[in-house]
Amino acid sequence: MIMKYENIRSIREDNDITQREMAAFLNVSQNTYSQYETGKIEWTAPTLIKIAEYFDVSVDYLLDRTKEK
């Protein structure tokens, strides 16, 4: 089962970052990034780590395992 993690989308939107900008940062297409956010494809560990470092939050926060950033 592929999971959709709301904190990833929320933190992106809270920082006024577009899917296109995140896709460029991650070196993937905007379509691929969109599929990550909608849960159509699974996040990879390196991608999650990169996003966590970008937003200065924990991977656990991104994965909705904690409310503490």
N, C-alpha and C. Protein backbone atom coordinates (compact mmCIF):
# COMPACT_ATOMS: atom_id res chain seq x y z
N MET A 1 0.83 -1.18 0.00
CA MET A 1 0.00 0.00 0.00
C MET A 1 0.88 1.25 0.00
N ILE A 2 0.61 2.13 -0.92
CA ILE A 2 1.37 3.37 -1.01
C ILE A 2 0.69 4.42 -0.15
N MET A 3 1.49 5.11 0.63
CA MET A 3 0.96 6.09 1.58
C MET A 3 1.09 7.51 1.03
N LYS A 4 0.14 8.31 1.36
CA LYS A 4 0.16 9.73 1.04
C LYS A 4 0.42 10.46 2.36
N TYR A 5 1.45 11.28 2.39
CA TYR A 5 1.84 11.96 3.61
C TYR A 5 1.50 13.45 3.52
N GLU A 6 0.51 13.86 4.28
CA GLU A 6 0.00 15.23 4.21
C GLU A 6 1.01 16.28 4.64
N ASN A 7 1.91 15.95 5.57
CA ASN A 7 2.87 16.94 6.05
C ASN A 7 3.81 17.39 4.94
N ILE A 8 4.11 16.53 3.99
CA ILE A 8 5.02 16.91 2.91
C ILE A 8 4.38 18.00 2.06
N ARG A 9 3.15 17.80 1.68
CA ARG A 9 2.47 18.81 0.88
C ARG A 9 2.27 20.08 1.69
N SER A 10 1.86 19.93 2.93
CA SER A 10 1.60 21.10 3.78
C SER A 10 2.84 21.96 3.97
N ILE A 11 3.96 21.35 4.26
CA ILE A 11 5.17 22.14 4.49
C ILE A 11 5.62 22.83 3.21
N ARG A 12 5.43 22.18 2.08
CA ARG A 12 5.77 22.80 0.80
C ARG A 12 4.89 24.02 0.57
N GLU A 13 3.59 23.86 0.76
CA GLU A 13 2.66 24.96 0.55
C GLU A 13 2.86 26.08 1.57
N ASP A 14 3.13 25.73 2.82
CA ASP A 14 3.36 26.73 3.86
C ASP A 14 4.57 27.61 3.54
N ASN A 15 5.50 27.07 2.78
CA ASN A 15 6.71 27.81 2.41
C ASN A 15 6.61 28.41 1.01
N ASP A 16 5.41 28.38 0.44
CA ASP A 16 5.16 28.94 -0.90
C ASP A 16 6.10 28.38 -1.96
N ILE A 17 6.31 27.07 -1.88
CA ILE A 17 7.14 26.37 -2.87
C ILE A 17 6.19 25.60 -3.79
N THR A 18 6.39 25.73 -5.08
CA THR A 18 5.53 25.01 -6.03
C THR A 18 6.04 23.59 -6.23
N GLN A 19 5.17 22.75 -6.76
CA GLN A 19 5.59 21.39 -7.10
C GLN A 19 6.73 21.45 -8.12
N ARG A 20 6.65 22.37 -9.05
CA ARG A 20 7.70 22.52 -10.08
C ARG A 20 9.06 22.85 -9.44
N GLU A 21 9.04 23.73 -8.43
CA GLU A 21 10.28 24.10 -7.74
C GLU A 21 10.85 22.91 -6.97
N MET A 22 9.98 22.17 -6.28
CA MET A 22 10.45 20.99 -5.54
C MET A 22 10.99 19.94 -6.50
N ALA A 23 10.30 19.76 -7.61
CA ALA A 23 10.75 18.78 -8.61
C ALA A 23 12.14 19.15 -9.13
N ALA A 24 12.35 20.43 -9.40
CA ALA A 24 13.67 20.87 -9.88
C ALA A 24 14.73 20.62 -8.81
N PHE A 25 14.41 20.93 -7.55
CA PHE A 25 15.35 20.70 -6.46
C PHE A 25 15.71 19.22 -6.34
N LEU A 26 14.72 18.36 -6.53
CA LEU A 26 14.93 16.91 -6.40
C LEU A 26 15.42 16.26 -7.70
N ASN A 27 15.49 17.08 -8.75
CA ASN A 27 15.94 16.59 -10.05
C ASN A 27 15.01 15.50 -10.61
N VAL A 28 13.70 15.74 -10.48
CA VAL A 28 12.70 14.86 -11.07
C VAL A 28 11.71 15.74 -11.83
N SER A 29 10.88 15.15 -12.65
CA SER A 29 9.88 15.94 -13.37
C SER A 29 8.79 16.39 -12.41
N GLN A 30 8.07 17.42 -12.81
CA GLN A 30 6.95 17.90 -11.99
C GLN A 30 5.90 16.81 -11.88
N ASN A 31 5.69 16.06 -12.95
CA ASN A 31 4.72 14.96 -12.93
C ASN A 31 5.12 13.90 -11.91
N THR A 32 6.39 13.56 -11.86
CA THR A 32 6.87 12.58 -10.89
C THR A 32 6.66 13.09 -9.48
N TYR A 33 7.00 14.36 -9.25
CA TYR A 33 6.81 14.91 -7.92
C TYR A 33 5.34 14.89 -7.52
N SER A 34 4.48 15.24 -8.44
CA SER A 34 3.03 15.21 -8.19
C SER A 34 2.58 13.81 -7.80
N GLN A 35 3.11 12.81 -8.47
CA GLN A 35 2.75 11.43 -8.15
C GLN A 35 3.25 11.03 -6.76
N TYR A 36 4.40 11.55 -6.36
CA TYR A 36 4.87 11.33 -4.99
C TYR A 36 3.85 11.88 -4.00
N GLU A 37 3.46 13.13 -4.20
CA GLU A 37 2.55 13.79 -3.26
C GLU A 37 1.17 13.14 -3.21
N THR A 38 0.70 12.64 -4.32
CA THR A 38 -0.63 12.04 -4.34
C THR A 38 -0.61 10.57 -3.93
N GLY A 39 0.57 10.02 -3.70
CA GLY A 39 0.68 8.64 -3.26
C GLY A 39 0.65 7.62 -4.38
N LYS A 40 0.77 8.07 -5.62
CA LYS A 40 0.76 7.14 -6.74
C LYS A 40 2.07 6.37 -6.86
N ILE A 41 3.15 7.01 -6.42
CA ILE A 41 4.44 6.32 -6.34
C ILE A 41 5.01 6.55 -4.94
N GLU A 42 5.82 5.62 -4.48
CA GLU A 42 6.36 5.69 -3.13
C GLU A 42 7.57 6.61 -3.05
N TRP A 43 7.64 7.33 -1.94
CA TRP A 43 8.80 8.16 -1.67
C TRP A 43 10.01 7.25 -1.44
N THR A 44 11.16 7.68 -1.89
CA THR A 44 12.40 6.94 -1.61
C THR A 44 13.06 7.58 -0.39
N ALA A 45 13.85 6.81 0.31
CA ALA A 45 14.55 7.33 1.49
C ALA A 45 15.43 8.52 1.14
N PRO A 46 16.25 8.46 0.06
CA PRO A 46 17.09 9.62 -0.25
C PRO A 46 16.26 10.88 -0.55
N THR A 47 15.12 10.71 -1.18
CA THR A 47 14.26 11.86 -1.49
C THR A 47 13.70 12.46 -0.21
N LEU A 48 13.23 11.61 0.70
CA LEU A 48 12.70 12.10 1.97
C LEU A 48 13.77 12.83 2.78
N ILE A 49 14.97 12.31 2.78
CA ILE A 49 16.08 12.94 3.51
C ILE A 49 16.38 14.31 2.92
N LYS A 50 16.40 14.39 1.61
CA LYS A 50 16.68 15.65 0.94
C LYS A 50 15.61 16.70 1.27
N ILE A 51 14.34 16.29 1.26
CA ILE A 51 13.24 17.20 1.59
C ILE A 51 13.34 17.63 3.06
N ALA A 52 13.62 16.69 3.94
CA ALA A 52 13.75 17.01 5.37
C ALA A 52 14.87 18.03 5.60
N GLU A 53 15.98 17.85 4.93
CA GLU A 53 17.10 18.78 5.08
C GLU A 53 16.73 20.15 4.50
N TYR A 54 16.03 20.16 3.38
CA TYR A 54 15.62 21.41 2.73
C TYR A 54 14.74 22.25 3.66
N PHE A 55 13.79 21.61 4.33
CA PHE A 55 12.86 22.31 5.20
C PHE A 55 13.30 22.31 6.67
N ASP A 56 14.44 21.71 6.97
CA ASP A 56 14.97 21.63 8.32
C ASP A 56 13.96 20.99 9.29
N VAL A 57 13.44 19.84 8.88
CA VAL A 57 12.52 19.05 9.71
C VAL A 57 13.00 17.61 9.71
N SER A 58 12.41 16.80 10.57
CA SER A 58 12.79 15.39 10.60
C SER A 58 12.01 14.60 9.55
N VAL A 59 12.57 13.48 9.16
CA VAL A 59 11.87 12.58 8.25
C VAL A 59 10.61 12.05 8.94
N ASP A 60 10.69 11.82 10.24
CA ASP A 60 9.50 11.37 10.99
C ASP A 60 8.36 12.38 10.86
N TYR A 61 8.68 13.67 10.89
CA TYR A 61 7.65 14.68 10.71
C TYR A 61 7.04 14.57 9.31
N LEU A 62 7.88 14.43 8.31
CA LEU A 62 7.37 14.30 6.94
C LEU A 62 6.46 13.10 6.78
N LEU A 63 6.78 12.04 7.50
CA LEU A 63 6.01 10.80 7.39
C LEU A 63 4.83 10.74 8.37
N ASP A 64 4.52 11.87 8.97
CA ASP A 64 3.38 11.96 9.90
C ASP A 64 3.54 11.06 11.12
N ARG A 65 4.77 10.80 11.52
CA ARG A 65 5.01 9.95 12.69
C ARG A 65 5.14 10.77 13.97
N THR A 66 5.29 12.09 13.80
CA THR A 66 5.37 13.00 14.93
C THR A 66 4.84 14.35 14.48
N LYS A 67 4.41 15.15 15.42
CA LYS A 67 3.97 16.51 15.11
C LYS A 67 5.08 17.52 15.33
N GLU A 68 6.20 17.07 15.93
CA GLU A 68 7.34 17.93 16.16
C GLU A 68 8.19 17.97 14.91
N LYS A 69 8.45 19.20 14.44
CA LYS A 69 9.25 19.33 13.22
C LYS A 69 10.70 18.98 13.47
